[in-house]
Structure formats: structure tokens, C-alpha cells
Amino acid sequence: MLAAAGGSIVNIASIRGSVGFAQSVAYVSAKHGVVGMTRTAAIEYARQGIRINSVGPGFIRTPLLDAAAPEIIAGVAGLHPTGRLGRAEEVAELVAFLASGRASNTTGSYYVTDGGYPAQ
């Protein structure tokens, strides 16, 4: 990217990059670290034309979660003000936008796609 004089990096964190969660100190610390690394790297590389952002998905409907009991899925969905789990496509759309030239003045930011989870 330095040789090309630009580019875009999108790091994947989690909603746990903006909130705490009991019994998850290592995971939450790691995700907060991704957000901090993103912001710091964005400052360091902005003048070289490299944009760096991070995305924090909420609970996303995946095969792993689909394997859980229905009451667990419903409980997790109920944690979100939207009352539903996110879809992988929703995360992908945000990542694609941030990686594209449409986000040419966007760097050092952390975007959640989370059904409103940390707004509570």
C-alpha cells in the first residue's frame, strides 16, 4: 500500500470493542485493542493515503449460532433493540463501503452494525 501510495484496511472488531461484558475480559480487551490499533494506525498512515477503519458486528446469524437451541437464539436476538440478529451480508456491505473510494475521507473510525446493542 505504501508503494501504491494508498489503500484501505478494514479491521474486524466486535460490539465488544465498545462495551464491557461479564466473564469475557480477554475477548473484550482484545476487541478494544483492535479499535485502538485502528485509530492509532490511521493517524500514522493517513498522509500516505492509507485509510484504516474498524467494524464492530453485533451478534450475527451464522451456522454456529444456528446450531444453538431456539431459546438461546431468541435470547441473544432479544439483547438487540431491533429484536433480531444481524446478517453476514449487512456486515459485508459496511466493509465494502469502507474499503471503497466512496469512503475516501473516512479513516480512524469504528463502525458498529449491531441492531442498536451498545446504545442501551
PDB file of N, CA and C in Angstrom:
ATOM      1  N   MET A   1       0.818  -1.190   0.000  1.00  0.00           N
ATOM      2  CA  MET A   1       0.000   0.000   0.000  1.00  0.00           C
ATOM      3  C   MET A   1       0.860   1.251   0.000  1.00  0.00           C
ATOM      4  N   LEU A   2       1.981   1.206   0.704  1.00  0.00           N
ATOM      5  CA  LEU A   2       2.874   2.354   0.683  1.00  0.00           C
ATOM      6  C   LEU A   2       3.416   2.582  -0.717  1.00  0.00           C
ATOM      7  N   ALA A   3       3.818   1.506  -1.398  1.00  0.00           N
ATOM      8  CA  ALA A   3       4.339   1.627  -2.757  1.00  0.00           C
ATOM      9  C   ALA A   3       3.270   2.138  -3.720  1.00  0.00           C
ATOM     10  N   ALA A   4       2.030   1.775  -3.475  1.00  0.00           N
ATOM     11  CA  ALA A   4       0.922   2.205  -4.333  1.00  0.00           C
ATOM     12  C   ALA A   4       0.381   3.578  -3.934  1.00  0.00           C
ATOM     13  N   ALA A   5       0.927   4.131  -2.868  1.00  0.00           N
ATOM     14  CA  ALA A   5       0.501   5.441  -2.348  1.00  0.00           C
ATOM     15  C   ALA A   5      -0.969   5.460  -1.942  1.00  0.00           C
ATOM     16  N   GLY A   6      -1.429   4.368  -1.383  1.00  0.00           N
ATOM     17  CA  GLY A   6      -2.788   4.387  -0.864  1.00  0.00           C
ATOM     18  C   GLY A   6      -3.426   3.032  -0.778  1.00  0.00           C
ATOM     19  N   GLY A   7      -4.563   3.018  -0.116  1.00  0.00           N
ATOM     20  CA  GLY A   7      -5.333   1.805   0.048  1.00  0.00           C
ATOM     21  C   GLY A   7      -6.237   1.919   1.257  1.00  0.00           C
ATOM     22  N   SER A   8      -6.898   0.836   1.544  1.00  0.00           N
ATOM     23  CA  SER A   8      -7.840   0.823   2.656  1.00  0.00           C
ATOM     24  C   SER A   8      -7.722  -0.488   3.418  1.00  0.00           C
ATOM     25  N   ILE A   9      -7.685  -0.377   4.724  1.00  0.00           N
ATOM     26  CA  ILE A   9      -7.684  -1.539   5.617  1.00  0.00           C
ATOM     27  C   ILE A   9      -8.944  -1.453   6.466  1.00  0.00           C
ATOM     28  N   VAL A  10      -9.656  -2.557   6.573  1.00  0.00           N
ATOM     29  CA  VAL A  10     -10.830  -2.616   7.446  1.00  0.00           C
ATOM     30  C   VAL A  10     -10.609  -3.752   8.428  1.00  0.00           C
ATOM     31  N   ASN A  11     -10.392  -3.406   9.679  1.00  0.00           N
ATOM     32  CA  ASN A  11     -10.226  -4.393  10.740  1.00  0.00           C
ATOM     33  C   ASN A  11     -11.592  -4.795  11.283  1.00  0.00           C
ATOM     34  N   ILE A  12     -11.713  -6.052  11.662  1.00  0.00           N
ATOM     35  CA  ILE A  12     -12.963  -6.526  12.245  1.00  0.00           C
ATOM     36  C   ILE A  12     -12.779  -6.669  13.752  1.00  0.00           C
ATOM     37  N   ALA A  13     -13.568  -5.910  14.482  1.00  0.00           N
ATOM     38  CA  ALA A  13     -13.571  -5.986  15.943  1.00  0.00           C
ATOM     39  C   ALA A  13     -14.850  -6.718  16.348  1.00  0.00           C
ATOM     40  N   SER A  14     -15.689  -6.074  17.116  1.00  0.00           N
ATOM     41  CA  SER A  14     -16.923  -6.645  17.624  1.00  0.00           C
ATOM     42  C   SER A  14     -17.643  -5.540  18.369  1.00  0.00           C
ATOM     43  N   ILE A  15     -18.907  -5.737  18.658  1.00  0.00           N
ATOM     44  CA  ILE A  15     -19.571  -4.774  19.539  1.00  0.00           C
ATOM     45  C   ILE A  15     -18.872  -4.751  20.893  1.00  0.00           C
ATOM     46  N   ARG A  16     -18.186  -5.823  21.203  1.00  0.00           N
ATOM     47  CA  ARG A  16     -17.436  -5.869  22.460  1.00  0.00           C
ATOM     48  C   ARG A  16     -16.233  -4.932  22.435  1.00  0.00           C
ATOM     49  N   GLY A  17     -15.986  -4.281  21.311  1.00  0.00           N
ATOM     50  CA  GLY A  17     -14.958  -3.255  21.225  1.00  0.00           C
ATOM     51  C   GLY A  17     -15.422  -1.923  21.783  1.00  0.00           C
ATOM     52  N   SER A  18     -16.710  -1.834  22.132  1.00  0.00           N
ATOM     53  CA  SER A  18     -17.228  -0.573  22.668  1.00  0.00           C
ATOM     54  C   SER A  18     -17.962  -0.734  23.996  1.00  0.00           C
ATOM     55  N   VAL A  19     -18.151  -1.951  24.445  1.00  0.00           N
ATOM     56  CA  VAL A  19     -18.847  -2.189  25.716  1.00  0.00           C
ATOM     57  C   VAL A  19     -18.095  -3.259  26.511  1.00  0.00           C
ATOM     58  N   GLY A  20     -18.413  -3.353  27.766  1.00  0.00           N
ATOM     59  CA  GLY A  20     -17.902  -4.440  28.588  1.00  0.00           C
ATOM     60  C   GLY A  20     -18.886  -5.597  28.594  1.00  0.00           C
ATOM     61  N   PHE A  21     -18.424  -6.740  29.057  1.00  0.00           N
ATOM     62  CA  PHE A  21     -19.296  -7.906  29.140  1.00  0.00           C
ATOM     63  C   PHE A  21     -18.706  -8.852  30.179  1.00  0.00           C
ATOM     64  N   ALA A  22     -19.480  -9.175  31.190  1.00  0.00           N
ATOM     65  CA  ALA A  22     -19.008 -10.018  32.282  1.00  0.00           C
ATOM     66  C   ALA A  22     -18.489 -11.362  31.772  1.00  0.00           C
ATOM     67  N   GLN A  23     -17.498 -11.866  32.428  1.00  0.00           N
ATOM     68  CA  GLN A  23     -16.913 -13.173  32.138  1.00  0.00           C
ATOM     69  C   GLN A  23     -16.170 -13.224  30.794  1.00  0.00           C
ATOM     70  N   SER A  24     -15.822 -12.052  30.242  1.00  0.00           N
ATOM     71  CA  SER A  24     -15.201 -12.017  28.913  1.00  0.00           C
ATOM     72  C   SER A  24     -14.037 -11.036  28.848  1.00  0.00           C
ATOM     73  N   VAL A  25     -13.259 -10.942  29.919  1.00  0.00           N
ATOM     74  CA  VAL A  25     -12.226  -9.907  29.974  1.00  0.00           C
ATOM     75  C   VAL A  25     -11.206 -10.037  28.841  1.00  0.00           C
ATOM     76  N   ALA A  26     -10.787 -11.228  28.492  1.00  0.00           N
ATOM     77  CA  ALA A  26      -9.783 -11.381  27.431  1.00  0.00           C
ATOM     78  C   ALA A  26     -10.357 -10.975  26.076  1.00  0.00           C
ATOM     79  N   TYR A  27     -11.549 -11.435  25.764  1.00  0.00           N
ATOM     80  CA  TYR A  27     -12.174 -11.119  24.482  1.00  0.00           C
ATOM     81  C   TYR A  27     -12.448  -9.623  24.359  1.00  0.00           C
ATOM     82  N   VAL A  28     -13.039  -9.038  25.399  1.00  0.00           N
ATOM     83  CA  VAL A  28     -13.362  -7.612  25.380  1.00  0.00           C
ATOM     84  C   VAL A  28     -12.079  -6.787  25.271  1.00  0.00           C
ATOM     85  N   SER A  29     -11.050  -7.162  25.999  1.00  0.00           N
ATOM     86  CA  SER A  29      -9.781  -6.442  25.918  1.00  0.00           C
ATOM     87  C   SER A  29      -9.193  -6.511  24.514  1.00  0.00           C
ATOM     88  N   ALA A  30      -9.252  -7.676  23.905  1.00  0.00           N
ATOM     89  CA  ALA A  30      -8.728  -7.835  22.548  1.00  0.00           C
ATOM     90  C   ALA A  30      -9.487  -6.965  21.558  1.00  0.00           C
ATOM     91  N   LYS A  31     -10.802  -6.915  21.682  1.00  0.00           N
ATOM     92  CA  LYS A  31     -11.599  -6.126  20.732  1.00  0.00           C
ATOM     93  C   LYS A  31     -11.403  -4.636  20.955  1.00  0.00           C
ATOM     94  N   HIS A  32     -11.273  -4.193  22.204  1.00  0.00           N
ATOM     95  CA  HIS A  32     -10.932  -2.793  22.449  1.00  0.00           C
ATOM     96  C   HIS A  32      -9.556  -2.495  21.851  1.00  0.00           C
ATOM     97  N   GLY A  33      -8.647  -3.462  21.926  1.00  0.00           N
ATOM     98  CA  GLY A  33      -7.316  -3.301  21.340  1.00  0.00           C
ATOM     99  C   GLY A  33      -7.370  -3.117  19.833  1.00  0.00           C
ATOM    100  N   VAL A  34      -8.245  -3.856  19.160  1.00  0.00           N
ATOM    101  CA  VAL A  34      -8.396  -3.703  17.706  1.00  0.00           C
ATOM    102  C   VAL A  34      -8.842  -2.283  17.375  1.00  0.00           C
ATOM    103  N   VAL A  35      -9.776  -1.747  18.146  1.00  0.00           N
ATOM    104  CA  VAL A  35     -10.262  -0.389  17.902  1.00  0.00           C
ATOM    105  C   VAL A  35      -9.138   0.625  18.139  1.00  0.00           C
ATOM    106  N   GLY A  36      -8.392   0.479  19.211  1.00  0.00           N
ATOM    107  CA  GLY A  36      -7.281   1.387  19.496  1.00  0.00           C
ATOM    108  C   GLY A  36      -6.176   1.296  18.458  1.00  0.00           C
ATOM    109  N   MET A  37      -5.852   0.073  18.026  1.00  0.00           N
ATOM    110  CA  MET A  37      -4.851  -0.113  16.981  1.00  0.00           C
ATOM    111  C   MET A  37      -5.296   0.556  15.690  1.00  0.00           C
ATOM    112  N   THR A  38      -6.569   0.399  15.352  1.00  0.00           N
ATOM    113  CA  THR A  38      -7.120   1.012  14.138  1.00  0.00           C
ATOM    114  C   THR A  38      -6.947   2.519  14.172  1.00  0.00           C
ATOM    115  N   ARG A  39      -7.327   3.133  15.250  1.00  0.00           N
ATOM    116  CA  ARG A  39      -7.250   4.593  15.357  1.00  0.00           C
ATOM    117  C   ARG A  39      -5.806   5.082  15.299  1.00  0.00           C
ATOM    118  N   THR A  40      -4.922   4.386  15.988  1.00  0.00           N
ATOM    119  CA  THR A  40      -3.521   4.790  16.001  1.00  0.00           C
ATOM    120  C   THR A  40      -2.877   4.607  14.634  1.00  0.00           C
ATOM    121  N   ALA A  41      -3.111   3.468  14.003  1.00  0.00           N
ATOM    122  CA  ALA A  41      -2.545   3.222  12.672  1.00  0.00           C
ATOM    123  C   ALA A  41      -3.099   4.211  11.652  1.00  0.00           C
ATOM    124  N   ALA A  42      -4.366   4.579  11.792  1.00  0.00           N
ATOM    125  CA  ALA A  42      -4.963   5.549  10.873  1.00  0.00           C
ATOM    126  C   ALA A  42      -4.237   6.888  10.942  1.00  0.00           C
ATOM    127  N   ILE A  43      -3.884   7.305  12.140  1.00  0.00           N
ATOM    128  CA  ILE A  43      -3.136   8.553  12.310  1.00  0.00           C
ATOM    129  C   ILE A  43      -1.760   8.421  11.653  1.00  0.00           C
ATOM    130  N   GLU A  44      -1.120   7.290  11.878  1.00  0.00           N
ATOM    131  CA  GLU A  44       0.244   7.088  11.379  1.00  0.00           C
ATOM    132  C   GLU A  44       0.326   6.991   9.861  1.00  0.00           C
ATOM    133  N   TYR A  45      -0.717   6.505   9.204  1.00  0.00           N
ATOM    134  CA  TYR A  45      -0.648   6.265   7.759  1.00  0.00           C
ATOM    135  C   TYR A  45      -1.546   7.167   6.917  1.00  0.00           C
ATOM    136  N   ALA A  46      -2.263   8.075   7.517  1.00  0.00           N
ATOM    137  CA  ALA A  46      -3.191   8.924   6.761  1.00  0.00           C
ATOM    138  C   ALA A  46      -2.487   9.725   5.670  1.00  0.00           C
ATOM    139  N   ARG A  47      -1.349  10.285   5.965  1.00  0.00           N
ATOM    140  CA  ARG A  47      -0.645  11.120   4.974  1.00  0.00           C
ATOM    141  C   ARG A  47      -0.033  10.304   3.839  1.00  0.00           C
ATOM    142  N   GLN A  48       0.042   8.996   4.013  1.00  0.00           N
ATOM    143  CA  GLN A  48       0.495   8.132   2.926  1.00  0.00           C
ATOM    144  C   GLN A  48      -0.676   7.617   2.089  1.00  0.00           C
ATOM    145  N   GLY A  49      -1.862   8.104   2.376  1.00  0.00           N
ATOM    146  CA  GLY A  49      -3.036   7.733   1.598  1.00  0.00           C
ATOM    147  C   GLY A  49      -3.666   6.408   1.983  1.00  0.00           C
ATOM    148  N   ILE A  50      -3.290   5.897   3.136  1.00  0.00           N
ATOM    149  CA  ILE A  50      -3.861   4.626   3.588  1.00  0.00           C
ATOM    150  C   ILE A  50      -4.917   4.920   4.652  1.00  0.00           C
ATOM    151  N   ARG A  51      -6.132   4.481   4.366  1.00  0.00           N
ATOM    152  CA  ARG A  51      -7.245   4.663   5.295  1.00  0.00           C
ATOM    153  C   ARG A  51      -7.427   3.376   6.093  1.00  0.00           C
ATOM    154  N   ILE A  52      -7.650   3.527   7.400  1.00  0.00           N
ATOM    155  CA  ILE A  52      -7.804   2.360   8.265  1.00  0.00           C
ATOM    156  C   ILE A  52      -9.009   2.585   9.173  1.00  0.00           C
ATOM    157  N   ASN A  53      -9.953   1.683   9.088  1.00  0.00           N
ATOM    158  CA  ASN A  53     -11.174   1.744   9.892  1.00  0.00           C
ATOM    159  C   ASN A  53     -11.437   0.370  10.501  1.00  0.00           C
ATOM    160  N   SER A  54     -12.364   0.323  11.433  1.00  0.00           N
ATOM    161  CA  SER A  54     -12.749  -0.975  12.001  1.00  0.00           C
ATOM    162  C   SER A  54     -14.271  -1.073  12.070  1.00  0.00           C
ATOM    163  N   VAL A  55     -14.724  -2.324  12.053  1.00  0.00           N
ATOM    164  CA  VAL A  55     -16.147  -2.647  12.086  1.00  0.00           C
ATOM    165  C   VAL A  55     -16.413  -3.520  13.307  1.00  0.00           C
ATOM    166  N   GLY A  56     -17.496  -3.224  13.982  1.00  0.00           N
ATOM    167  CA  GLY A  56     -17.892  -3.993  15.155  1.00  0.00           C
ATOM    168  C   GLY A  56     -19.242  -4.638  14.956  1.00  0.00           C
ATOM    169  N   PRO A  57     -19.262  -5.849  14.436  1.00  0.00           N
ATOM    170  CA  PRO A  57     -20.550  -6.533  14.283  1.00  0.00           C
ATOM    171  C   PRO A  57     -21.148  -6.904  15.637  1.00  0.00           C
ATOM    172  N   GLY A  58     -22.459  -6.873  15.694  1.00  0.00           N
ATOM    173  CA  GLY A  58     -23.168  -7.422  16.839  1.00  0.00           C
ATOM    174  C   GLY A  58     -23.271  -8.924  16.657  1.00  0.00           C
ATOM    175  N   PHE A  59     -24.243  -9.532  17.297  1.00  0.00           N
ATOM    176  CA  PHE A  59     -24.451 -10.968  17.115  1.00  0.00           C
ATOM    177  C   PHE A  59     -25.002 -11.188  15.710  1.00  0.00           C
ATOM    178  N   ILE A  60     -24.324 -12.019  14.957  1.00  0.00           N
ATOM    179  CA  ILE A  60     -24.654 -12.252  13.558  1.00  0.00           C
ATOM    180  C   ILE A  60     -25.151 -13.681  13.400  1.00  0.00           C
ATOM    181  N   ARG A  61     -26.174 -13.828  12.605  1.00  0.00           N
ATOM    182  CA  ARG A  61     -26.719 -15.165  12.323  1.00  0.00           C
ATOM    183  C   ARG A  61     -25.694 -15.943  11.499  1.00  0.00           C
ATOM    184  N   THR A  62     -25.143 -16.979  12.081  1.00  0.00           N
ATOM    185  CA  THR A  62     -24.143 -17.829  11.427  1.00  0.00           C
ATOM    186  C   THR A  62     -24.509 -19.285  11.681  1.00  0.00           C
ATOM    187  N   PRO A  63     -23.890 -20.213  10.956  1.00  0.00           N
ATOM    188  CA  PRO A  63     -24.148 -21.626  11.228  1.00  0.00           C
ATOM    189  C   PRO A  63     -23.838 -22.015  12.677  1.00  0.00           C
ATOM    190  N   LEU A  64     -22.832 -21.396  13.276  1.00  0.00           N
ATOM    191  CA  LEU A  64     -22.505 -21.704  14.669  1.00  0.00           C
ATOM    192  C   LEU A  64     -23.673 -21.338  15.583  1.00  0.00           C
ATOM    193  N   LEU A  65     -24.208 -20.158  15.408  1.00  0.00           N
ATOM    194  CA  LEU A  65     -25.332 -19.732  16.243  1.00  0.00           C
ATOM    195  C   LEU A  65     -26.600 -20.503  15.894  1.00  0.00           C
ATOM    196  N   ASP A  66     -26.772 -20.826  14.613  1.00  0.00           N
ATOM    197  CA  ASP A  66     -27.950 -21.593  14.203  1.00  0.00           C
ATOM    198  C   ASP A  66     -28.001 -22.970  14.861  1.00  0.00           C
ATOM    199  N   ALA A  67     -26.842 -23.480  15.278  1.00  0.00           N
ATOM    200  CA  ALA A  67     -26.791 -24.783  15.928  1.00  0.00           C
ATOM    201  C   ALA A  67     -27.266 -24.729  17.380  1.00  0.00           C
ATOM    202  N   ALA A  68     -27.433 -23.527  17.911  1.00  0.00           N
ATOM    203  CA  ALA A  68     -27.870 -23.369  19.300  1.00  0.00           C
ATOM    204  C   ALA A  68     -29.367 -23.649  19.421  1.00  0.00           C
ATOM    205  N   ALA A  69     -29.790 -23.898  20.630  1.00  0.00           N
ATOM    206  CA  ALA A  69     -31.216 -24.130  20.898  1.00  0.00           C
ATOM    207  C   ALA A  69     -32.015 -22.874  20.547  1.00  0.00           C
ATOM    208  N   PRO A  70     -33.238 -23.045  20.079  1.00  0.00           N
ATOM    209  CA  PRO A  70     -34.061 -21.892  19.680  1.00  0.00           C
ATOM    210  C   PRO A  70     -34.214 -20.838  20.772  1.00  0.00           C
ATOM    211  N   GLU A  71     -34.315 -21.273  22.040  1.00  0.00           N
ATOM    212  CA  GLU A  71     -34.477 -20.288  23.110  1.00  0.00           C
ATOM    213  C   GLU A  71     -33.207 -19.461  23.317  1.00  0.00           C
ATOM    214  N   ILE A  72     -32.047 -20.032  23.016  1.00  0.00           N
ATOM    215  CA  ILE A  72     -30.793 -19.273  23.106  1.00  0.00           C
ATOM    216  C   ILE A  72     -30.732 -18.244  21.982  1.00  0.00           C
ATOM    217  N   ILE A  73     -31.093 -18.657  20.783  1.00  0.00           N
ATOM    218  CA  ILE A  73     -31.112 -17.732  19.648  1.00  0.00           C
ATOM    219  C   ILE A  73     -32.073 -16.586  19.934  1.00  0.00           C
ATOM    220  N   ALA A  74     -33.248 -16.896  20.430  1.00  0.00           N
ATOM    221  CA  ALA A  74     -34.235 -15.861  20.750  1.00  0.00           C
ATOM    222  C   ALA A  74     -33.717 -14.934  21.846  1.00  0.00           C
ATOM    223  N   GLY A  75     -33.052 -15.493  22.841  1.00  0.00           N
ATOM    224  CA  GLY A  75     -32.493 -14.684  23.923  1.00  0.00           C
ATOM    225  C   GLY A  75     -31.421 -13.734  23.430  1.00  0.00           C
ATOM    226  N   VAL A  76     -30.544 -14.222  22.567  1.00  0.00           N
ATOM    227  CA  VAL A  76     -29.483 -13.380  22.017  1.00  0.00           C
ATOM    228  C   VAL A  76     -30.089 -12.297  21.123  1.00  0.00           C
ATOM    229  N   ALA A  77     -31.049 -12.661  20.300  1.00  0.00           N
ATOM    230  CA  ALA A  77     -31.716 -11.670  19.450  1.00  0.00           C
ATOM    231  C   ALA A  77     -32.386 -10.600  20.304  1.00  0.00           C
ATOM    232  N   GLY A  78     -32.947 -11.011  21.426  1.00  0.00           N
ATOM    233  CA  GLY A  78     -33.627 -10.081  22.313  1.00  0.00           C
ATOM    234  C   GLY A  78     -32.708  -9.084  22.997  1.00  0.00           C
ATOM    235  N   LEU A  79     -31.399  -9.314  22.955  1.00  0.00           N
ATOM    236  CA  LEU A  79     -30.440  -8.364  23.518  1.00  0.00           C
ATOM    237  C   LEU A  79     -30.341  -7.092  22.670  1.00  0.00           C
ATOM    238  N   HIS A  80     -30.787  -7.175  21.436  1.00  0.00           N
ATOM    239  CA  HIS A  80     -30.684  -6.066  20.498  1.00  0.00           C
ATOM    240  C   HIS A  80     -32.006  -5.305  20.429  1.00  0.00           C
ATOM    241  N   PRO A  81     -31.978  -3.964  20.441  1.00  0.00           N
ATOM    242  CA  PRO A  81     -33.212  -3.205  20.320  1.00  0.00           C
ATOM    243  C   PRO A  81     -34.020  -3.545  19.065  1.00  0.00           C
ATOM    244  N   THR A  82     -33.355  -3.967  17.989  1.00  0.00           N
ATOM    245  CA  THR A  82     -34.081  -4.351  16.779  1.00  0.00           C
ATOM    246  C   THR A  82     -34.807  -5.675  16.951  1.00  0.00           C
ATOM    247  N   GLY A  83     -34.422  -6.454  17.977  1.00  0.00           N
ATOM    248  CA  GLY A  83     -35.069  -7.727  18.240  1.00  0.00           C
ATOM    249  C   GLY A  83     -34.658  -8.845  17.302  1.00  0.00           C
ATOM    250  N   ARG A  84     -33.555  -8.653  16.581  1.00  0.00           N
ATOM    251  CA  ARG A  84     -33.122  -9.692  15.650  1.00  0.00           C
ATOM    252  C   ARG A  84     -31.600  -9.745  15.587  1.00  0.00           C
ATOM    253  N   LEU A  85     -31.112 -10.833  15.060  1.00  0.00           N
ATOM    254  CA  LEU A  85     -29.683 -10.974  14.806  1.00  0.00           C
ATOM    255  C   LEU A  85     -29.347 -10.304  13.486  1.00  0.00           C
ATOM    256  N   GLY A  86     -28.097  -9.867  13.376  1.00  0.00           N
ATOM    257  CA  GLY A  86     -27.638  -9.314  12.108  1.00  0.00           C
ATOM    258  C   GLY A  86     -27.381 -10.422  11.101  1.00  0.00           C
ATOM    259  N   ARG A  87     -27.208 -10.019   9.856  1.00  0.00           N
ATOM    260  CA  ARG A  87     -26.880 -10.960   8.787  1.00  0.00           C
ATOM    261  C   ARG A  87     -25.473 -10.668   8.283  1.00  0.00           C
ATOM    262  N   ALA A  88     -24.775 -11.682   7.864  1.00  0.00           N
ATOM    263  CA  ALA A  88     -23.411 -11.520   7.354  1.00  0.00           C
ATOM    264  C   ALA A  88     -23.372 -10.510   6.216  1.00  0.00           C
ATOM    265  N   GLU A  89     -24.405 -10.503   5.394  1.00  0.00           N
ATOM    266  CA  GLU A  89     -24.454  -9.569   4.268  1.00  0.00           C
ATOM    267  C   GLU A  89     -24.452  -8.117   4.741  1.00  0.00           C
ATOM    268  N   GLU A  90     -25.045  -7.849   5.887  1.00  0.00           N
ATOM    269  CA  GLU A  90     -25.074  -6.488   6.415  1.00  0.00           C
ATOM    270  C   GLU A  90     -23.679  -6.034   6.821  1.00  0.00           C
ATOM    271  N   VAL A  91     -22.926  -6.943   7.397  1.00  0.00           N
ATOM    272  CA  VAL A  91     -21.538  -6.631   7.758  1.00  0.00           C
ATOM    273  C   VAL A  91     -20.717  -6.429   6.490  1.00  0.00           C
ATOM    274  N   ALA A  92     -20.899  -7.305   5.526  1.00  0.00           N
ATOM    275  CA  ALA A  92     -20.148  -7.223   4.272  1.00  0.00           C
ATOM    276  C   ALA A  92     -20.397  -5.909   3.549  1.00  0.00           C
ATOM    277  N   GLU A  93     -21.622  -5.430   3.559  1.00  0.00           N
ATOM    278  CA  GLU A  93     -21.936  -4.153   2.901  1.00  0.00           C
ATOM    279  C   GLU A  93     -21.178  -2.995   3.543  1.00  0.00           C
ATOM    280  N   LEU A  94     -21.103  -2.998   4.855  1.00  0.00           N
ATOM    281  CA  LEU A  94     -20.369  -1.942   5.558  1.00  0.00           C
ATOM    282  C   LEU A  94     -18.881  -2.022   5.245  1.00  0.00           C
ATOM    283  N   VAL A  95     -18.330  -3.224   5.275  1.00  0.00           N
ATOM    284  CA  VAL A  95     -16.910  -3.410   4.959  1.00  0.00           C
ATOM    285  C   VAL A  95     -16.631  -2.969   3.523  1.00  0.00           C
ATOM    286  N   ALA A  96     -17.484  -3.356   2.587  1.00  0.00           N
ATOM    287  CA  ALA A  96     -17.298  -2.972   1.181  1.00  0.00           C
ATOM    288  C   ALA A  96     -17.324  -1.458   1.026  1.00  0.00           C
ATOM    289  N   PHE A  97     -18.232  -0.792   1.712  1.00  0.00           N
ATOM    290  CA  PHE A  97     -18.281   0.670   1.649  1.00  0.00           C
ATOM    291  C   PHE A  97     -16.982   1.269   2.163  1.00  0.00           C
ATOM    292  N   LEU A  98     -16.539   0.834   3.340  1.00  0.00           N
ATOM    293  CA  LEU A  98     -15.323   1.402   3.926  1.00  0.00           C
ATOM    294  C   LEU A  98     -14.091   1.136   3.074  1.00  0.00           C
ATOM    295  N   ALA A  99     -14.064   0.014   2.374  1.00  0.00           N
ATOM    296  CA  ALA A  99     -12.928  -0.318   1.518  1.00  0.00           C
ATOM    297  C   ALA A  99     -12.960   0.443   0.196  1.00  0.00           C
ATOM    298  N   SER A 100     -14.104   0.985  -0.147  1.00  0.00           N
ATOM    299  CA  SER A 100     -14.279   1.621  -1.455  1.00  0.00           C
ATOM    300  C   SER A 100     -13.858   3.086  -1.439  1.00  0.00           C
ATOM    301  N   GLY A 101     -13.749   3.638  -2.620  1.00  0.00           N
ATOM    302  CA  GLY A 101     -13.463   5.053  -2.767  1.00  0.00           C
ATOM    303  C   GLY A 101     -14.584   5.955  -2.286  1.00  0.00           C
ATOM    304  N   ARG A 102     -15.768   5.406  -2.083  1.00  0.00           N
ATOM    305  CA  ARG A 102     -16.884   6.204  -1.562  1.00  0.00           C
ATOM    306  C   ARG A 102     -16.615   6.664  -0.139  1.00  0.00           C
ATOM    307  N   ALA A 103     -15.680   6.007   0.537  1.00  0.00           N
ATOM    308  CA  ALA A 103     -15.316   6.382   1.902  1.00  0.00           C
ATOM    309  C   ALA A 103     -13.935   7.050   1.914  1.00  0.00           C
ATOM    310  N   SER A 104     -13.650   7.817   0.884  1.00  0.00           N
ATOM    311  CA  SER A 104     -12.303   8.368   0.684  1.00  0.00           C
ATOM    312  C   SER A 104     -11.830   9.324   1.774  1.00  0.00           C
ATOM    313  N   ASN A 105     -12.723   9.879   2.547  1.00  0.00           N
ATOM    314  CA  ASN A 105     -12.319  10.777   3.631  1.00  0.00           C
ATOM    315  C   ASN A 105     -12.636  10.178   4.998  1.00  0.00           C
ATOM    316  N   THR A 106     -12.726   8.869   5.053  1.00  0.00           N
ATOM    317  CA  THR A 106     -13.082   8.173   6.284  1.00  0.00           C
ATOM    318  C   THR A 106     -11.896   7.335   6.741  1.00  0.00           C
ATOM    319  N   THR A 107     -11.342   7.690   7.891  1.00  0.00           N
ATOM    320  CA  THR A 107     -10.237   6.921   8.451  1.00  0.00           C
ATOM    321  C   THR A 107     -10.199   7.086   9.963  1.00  0.00           C
ATOM    322  N   GLY A 108      -9.729   6.069  10.634  1.00  0.00           N
ATOM    323  CA  GLY A 108      -9.607   6.121  12.080  1.00  0.00           C
ATOM    324  C   GLY A 108     -10.911   5.935  12.823  1.00  0.00           C
ATOM    325  N   SER A 109     -11.908   5.408  12.157  1.00  0.00           N
ATOM    326  CA  SER A 109     -13.221   5.284  12.775  1.00  0.00           C
ATOM    327  C   SER A 109     -13.595   3.834  13.048  1.00  0.00           C
ATOM    328  N   TYR A 110     -14.557   3.698  13.924  1.00  0.00           N
ATOM    329  CA  TYR A 110     -15.065   2.392  14.349  1.00  0.00           C
ATOM    330  C   TYR A 110     -16.574   2.417  14.133  1.00  0.00           C
ATOM    331  N   TYR A 111     -17.051   1.525  13.288  1.00  0.00           N
ATOM    332  CA  TYR A 111     -18.463   1.483  12.933  1.00  0.00           C
ATOM    333  C   TYR A 111     -19.084   0.189  13.420  1.00  0.00           C
ATOM    334  N   VAL A 112     -20.180   0.313  14.144  1.00  0.00           N
ATOM    335  CA  VAL A 112     -20.883  -0.877  14.600  1.00  0.00           C
ATOM    336  C   VAL A 112     -22.062  -1.155  13.687  1.00  0.00           C
ATOM    337  N   THR A 113     -22.315  -2.416  13.487  1.00  0.00           N
ATOM    338  CA  THR A 113     -23.513  -2.872  12.780  1.00  0.00           C
ATOM    339  C   THR A 113     -24.107  -3.938  13.677  1.00  0.00           C
ATOM    340  N   ASP A 114     -25.008  -3.494  14.549  1.00  0.00           N
ATOM    341  CA  ASP A 114     -25.278  -4.258  15.755  1.00  0.00           C
ATOM    342  C   ASP A 114     -26.709  -4.247  16.250  1.00  0.00           C
ATOM    343  N   GLY A 115     -27.620  -3.753  15.449  1.00  0.00           N
ATOM    344  CA  GLY A 115     -29.012  -3.721  15.902  1.00  0.00           C
ATOM    345  C   GLY A 115     -29.244  -2.838  17.111  1.00  0.00           C
ATOM    346  N   GLY A 116     -28.352  -1.882  17.364  1.00  0.00           N
ATOM    347  CA  GLY A 116     -28.505  -0.956  18.466  1.00  0.00           C
ATOM    348  C   GLY A 116     -28.019  -1.450  19.821  1.00  0.00           C
ATOM    349  N   TYR A 117     -27.328  -2.587  19.838  1.00  0.00           N
ATOM    350  CA  TYR A 117     -26.919  -3.214  21.098  1.00  0.00           C
ATOM    351  C   TYR A 117     -26.212  -2.250  22.062  1.00  0.00           C
ATOM    352  N   PRO A 118     -25.117  -1.553  21.656  1.00  0.00           N
ATOM    353  CA  PRO A 118     -24.432  -0.709  22.643  1.00  0.00           C
ATOM    354  C   PRO A 118     -25.139   0.607  22.948  1.00  0.00           C
ATOM    355  N   ALA A 119     -26.240   0.898  22.262  1.00  0.00           N
ATOM    356  CA  ALA A 119     -26.972   2.127  22.533  1.00  0.00           C
ATOM    357  C   ALA A 119     -27.757   2.039  23.838  1.00  0.00           C
ATOM    358  N   GLN A 120     -27.879   0.850  24.374  1.00  0.00           N
ATOM    359  CA  GLN A 120     -28.697   0.639  25.573  1.00  0.00           C
ATOM    360  C   GLN A 120     -27.991   1.142  26.815  1.00  0.00           C
TER     361      GLN A 120
END
